[in-house]
């Protein structure tokens, strides 16, 4: 939940965060999900973004999130995609360390 709160930057209510968390937990528990920090962070950011763009119906959010995660955050992702995710996560972590 802390990851989602941080990514939402205070822009979502507790109830909205709980909806996103339920979807996040559902998807990341799937056997095909790439359970790494960089995939979890990227997927969490995608969920918050979807919600902010108006995808706030829990059933629709779940369906779209499942397909998105299967496409972009699966264990079978290409090496190029994995490298890109790692790079983005590494840059984010470096920036976060400077800010704190």
C-alpha atoms as a PDB file:
ATOM      1  CA  UNK A   1       0.000   0.000   0.000  1.00  0.00           C
ATOM      2  CA  UNK A   2       2.886   2.383   0.738  1.00  0.00           C
ATOM      3  CA  UNK A   3       4.107   2.019  -2.857  1.00  0.00           C
ATOM      4  CA  UNK A   4       0.667   3.001  -4.159  1.00  0.00           C
ATOM      5  CA  UNK A   5       0.376   5.953  -1.765  1.00  0.00           C
ATOM      6  CA  UNK A   6       3.786   7.200  -2.846  1.00  0.00           C
ATOM      7  CA  UNK A   7       2.933   6.875  -6.540  1.00  0.00           C
ATOM      8  CA  UNK A   8      -0.457   8.556  -6.051  1.00  0.00           C
ATOM      9  CA  UNK A   9       1.275  11.491  -4.332  1.00  0.00           C
ATOM     10  CA  UNK A  10      -1.726  12.179  -2.142  1.00  0.00           C
ATOM     11  CA  UNK A  11      -4.075  12.493  -5.103  1.00  0.00           C
ATOM     12  CA  UNK A  12      -6.287   9.510  -4.267  1.00  0.00           C
ATOM     13  CA  UNK A  13      -8.556   8.740  -1.328  1.00  0.00           C
ATOM     14  CA  UNK A  14      -8.063   5.764   0.951  1.00  0.00           C
ATOM     15  CA  UNK A  15     -10.997   3.967  -0.718  1.00  0.00           C
ATOM     16  CA  UNK A  16      -9.526   4.551  -4.169  1.00  0.00           C
ATOM     17  CA  UNK A  17      -6.152   3.256  -3.011  1.00  0.00           C
ATOM     18  CA  UNK A  18      -7.842   0.153  -1.613  1.00  0.00           C
ATOM     19  CA  UNK A  19      -9.473  -0.561  -4.994  1.00  0.00           C
ATOM     20  CA  UNK A  20      -6.100  -0.225  -6.709  1.00  0.00           C
ATOM     21  CA  UNK A  21      -4.430  -2.390  -4.048  1.00  0.00           C
ATOM     22  CA  UNK A  22      -6.983  -5.194  -4.534  1.00  0.00           C
ATOM     23  CA  UNK A  23      -6.327  -5.196  -8.276  1.00  0.00           C
ATOM     24  CA  UNK A  24      -2.552  -4.966  -7.726  1.00  0.00           C
ATOM     25  CA  UNK A  25      -2.613  -7.924  -5.335  1.00  0.00           C
ATOM     26  CA  UNK A  26      -4.821  -9.993  -7.636  1.00  0.00           C
ATOM     27  CA  UNK A  27      -2.563  -9.497 -10.646  1.00  0.00           C
ATOM     28  CA  UNK A  28       0.787  -9.833  -8.877  1.00  0.00           C
ATOM     29  CA  UNK A  29      -0.313 -13.179  -7.381  1.00  0.00           C
ATOM     30  CA  UNK A  30      -0.663 -14.695 -10.847  1.00  0.00           C
ATOM     31  CA  UNK A  31       1.892 -17.387 -11.613  1.00  0.00           C
ATOM     32  CA  UNK A  32       2.907 -15.650 -14.856  1.00  0.00           C
ATOM     33  CA  UNK A  33       3.605 -12.248 -13.241  1.00  0.00           C
ATOM     34  CA  UNK A  34       7.300 -11.278 -13.158  1.00  0.00           C
ATOM     35  CA  UNK A  35       7.656 -10.880  -9.395  1.00  0.00           C
ATOM     36  CA  UNK A  36      10.574  -8.453  -9.294  1.00  0.00           C
ATOM     37  CA  UNK A  37      10.814  -5.018  -7.686  1.00  0.00           C
ATOM     38  CA  UNK A  38      11.036  -3.269 -11.051  1.00  0.00           C
ATOM     39  CA  UNK A  39       7.982  -5.078 -12.441  1.00  0.00           C
ATOM     40  CA  UNK A  40       5.958  -4.458  -9.285  1.00  0.00           C
ATOM     41  CA  UNK A  41       6.913  -0.769  -9.319  1.00  0.00           C
ATOM     42  CA  UNK A  42       6.136  -0.371 -13.025  1.00  0.00           C
ATOM     43  CA  UNK A  43       2.826  -2.175 -12.705  1.00  0.00           C
ATOM     44  CA  UNK A  44       1.825  -0.116  -9.641  1.00  0.00           C
ATOM     45  CA  UNK A  45       2.588   3.097 -11.549  1.00  0.00           C
ATOM     46  CA  UNK A  46       0.509   1.835 -14.481  1.00  0.00           C
ATOM     47  CA  UNK A  47      -2.451   1.081 -12.192  1.00  0.00           C
ATOM     48  CA  UNK A  48      -2.358   4.506 -10.562  1.00  0.00           C
ATOM     49  CA  UNK A  49      -2.158   6.091 -14.001  1.00  0.00           C
ATOM     50  CA  UNK A  50      -5.117   4.066 -15.299  1.00  0.00           C
ATOM     51  CA  UNK A  51      -7.179   5.057 -12.272  1.00  0.00           C
ATOM     52  CA  UNK A  52      -6.333   8.726 -12.694  1.00  0.00           C
ATOM     53  CA  UNK A  53      -7.342   8.554 -16.363  1.00  0.00           C
ATOM     54  CA  UNK A  54     -10.852   7.558 -15.316  1.00  0.00           C
ATOM     55  CA  UNK A  55     -10.592   3.777 -15.247  1.00  0.00           C
ATOM     56  CA  UNK A  56     -12.119   3.620 -11.765  1.00  0.00           C
ATOM     57  CA  UNK A  57     -14.711   0.879 -12.217  1.00  0.00           C
ATOM     58  CA  UNK A  58     -13.096  -1.983 -10.247  1.00  0.00           C
ATOM     59  CA  UNK A  59     -14.225  -4.693 -12.679  1.00  0.00           C
ATOM     60  CA  UNK A  60     -12.978  -2.807 -15.727  1.00  0.00           C
ATOM     61  CA  UNK A  61      -9.753  -1.826 -13.978  1.00  0.00           C
ATOM     62  CA  UNK A  62      -9.140  -5.465 -13.084  1.00  0.00           C
ATOM     63  CA  UNK A  63      -9.680  -6.667 -16.660  1.00  0.00           C
ATOM     64  CA  UNK A  64      -7.499  -4.028 -18.264  1.00  0.00           C
ATOM     65  CA  UNK A  65      -4.812  -4.406 -15.608  1.00  0.00           C
ATOM     66  CA  UNK A  66      -4.731  -8.173 -16.101  1.00  0.00           C
ATOM     67  CA  UNK A  67      -4.233  -7.845 -19.867  1.00  0.00           C
ATOM     68  CA  UNK A  68      -1.698  -5.036 -19.469  1.00  0.00           C
ATOM     69  CA  UNK A  69       0.313  -7.010 -16.917  1.00  0.00           C
ATOM     70  CA  UNK A  70       0.199 -10.135 -19.064  1.00  0.00           C
ATOM     71  CA  UNK A  71       1.539  -8.114 -21.973  1.00  0.00           C
ATOM     72  CA  UNK A  72       4.131  -5.951 -20.180  1.00  0.00           C
ATOM     73  CA  UNK A  73       4.996  -7.627 -16.873  1.00  0.00           C
ATOM     74  CA  UNK A  74       5.032 -11.355 -17.504  1.00  0.00           C
ATOM     75  CA  UNK A  75       7.883 -13.737 -16.782  1.00  0.00           C
ATOM     76  CA  UNK A  76       8.142 -14.325 -20.518  1.00  0.00           C
ATOM     77  CA  UNK A  77       8.821 -10.663 -21.415  1.00  0.00           C
ATOM     78  CA  UNK A  78      11.601 -10.017 -23.885  1.00  0.00           C
ATOM     79  CA  UNK A  79      15.109  -9.264 -22.663  1.00  0.00           C
ATOM     80  CA  UNK A  80      14.852  -5.782 -24.161  1.00  0.00           C
ATOM     81  CA  UNK A  81      11.678  -5.092 -22.219  1.00  0.00           C
ATOM     82  CA  UNK A  82      13.209  -6.465 -18.998  1.00  0.00           C
ATOM     83  CA  UNK A  83      16.301  -4.279 -19.477  1.00  0.00           C
ATOM     84  CA  UNK A  84      14.141  -1.203 -20.030  1.00  0.00           C
ATOM     85  CA  UNK A  85      12.126  -1.878 -16.860  1.00  0.00           C
ATOM     86  CA  UNK A  86      15.298  -2.423 -14.825  1.00  0.00           C
ATOM     87  CA  UNK A  87      16.778   0.787 -16.169  1.00  0.00           C
ATOM     88  CA  UNK A  88      13.677   2.838 -15.372  1.00  0.00           C
ATOM     89  CA  UNK A  89      13.489   1.350 -11.883  1.00  0.00           C
ATOM     90  CA  UNK A  90      17.197   1.980 -11.287  1.00  0.00           C
ATOM     91  CA  UNK A  91      16.854   5.632 -12.293  1.00  0.00           C
ATOM     92  CA  UNK A  92      13.811   6.036 -10.073  1.00  0.00           C
ATOM     93  CA  UNK A  93      15.620   4.483  -7.084  1.00  0.00           C
ATOM     94  CA  UNK A  94      18.623   6.757  -7.600  1.00  0.00           C
ATOM     95  CA  UNK A  95      16.390   9.844  -7.699  1.00  0.00           C
ATOM     96  CA  UNK A  96      14.502   8.684  -4.636  1.00  0.00           C
ATOM     97  CA  UNK A  97      17.734   8.270  -2.662  1.00  0.00           C
ATOM     98  CA  UNK A  98      18.769  11.831  -3.526  1.00  0.00           C
ATOM     99  CA  UNK A  99      15.406  13.202  -2.372  1.00  0.00           C
ATOM    100  CA  UNK A 100      15.499  11.480   1.012  1.00  0.00           C
END
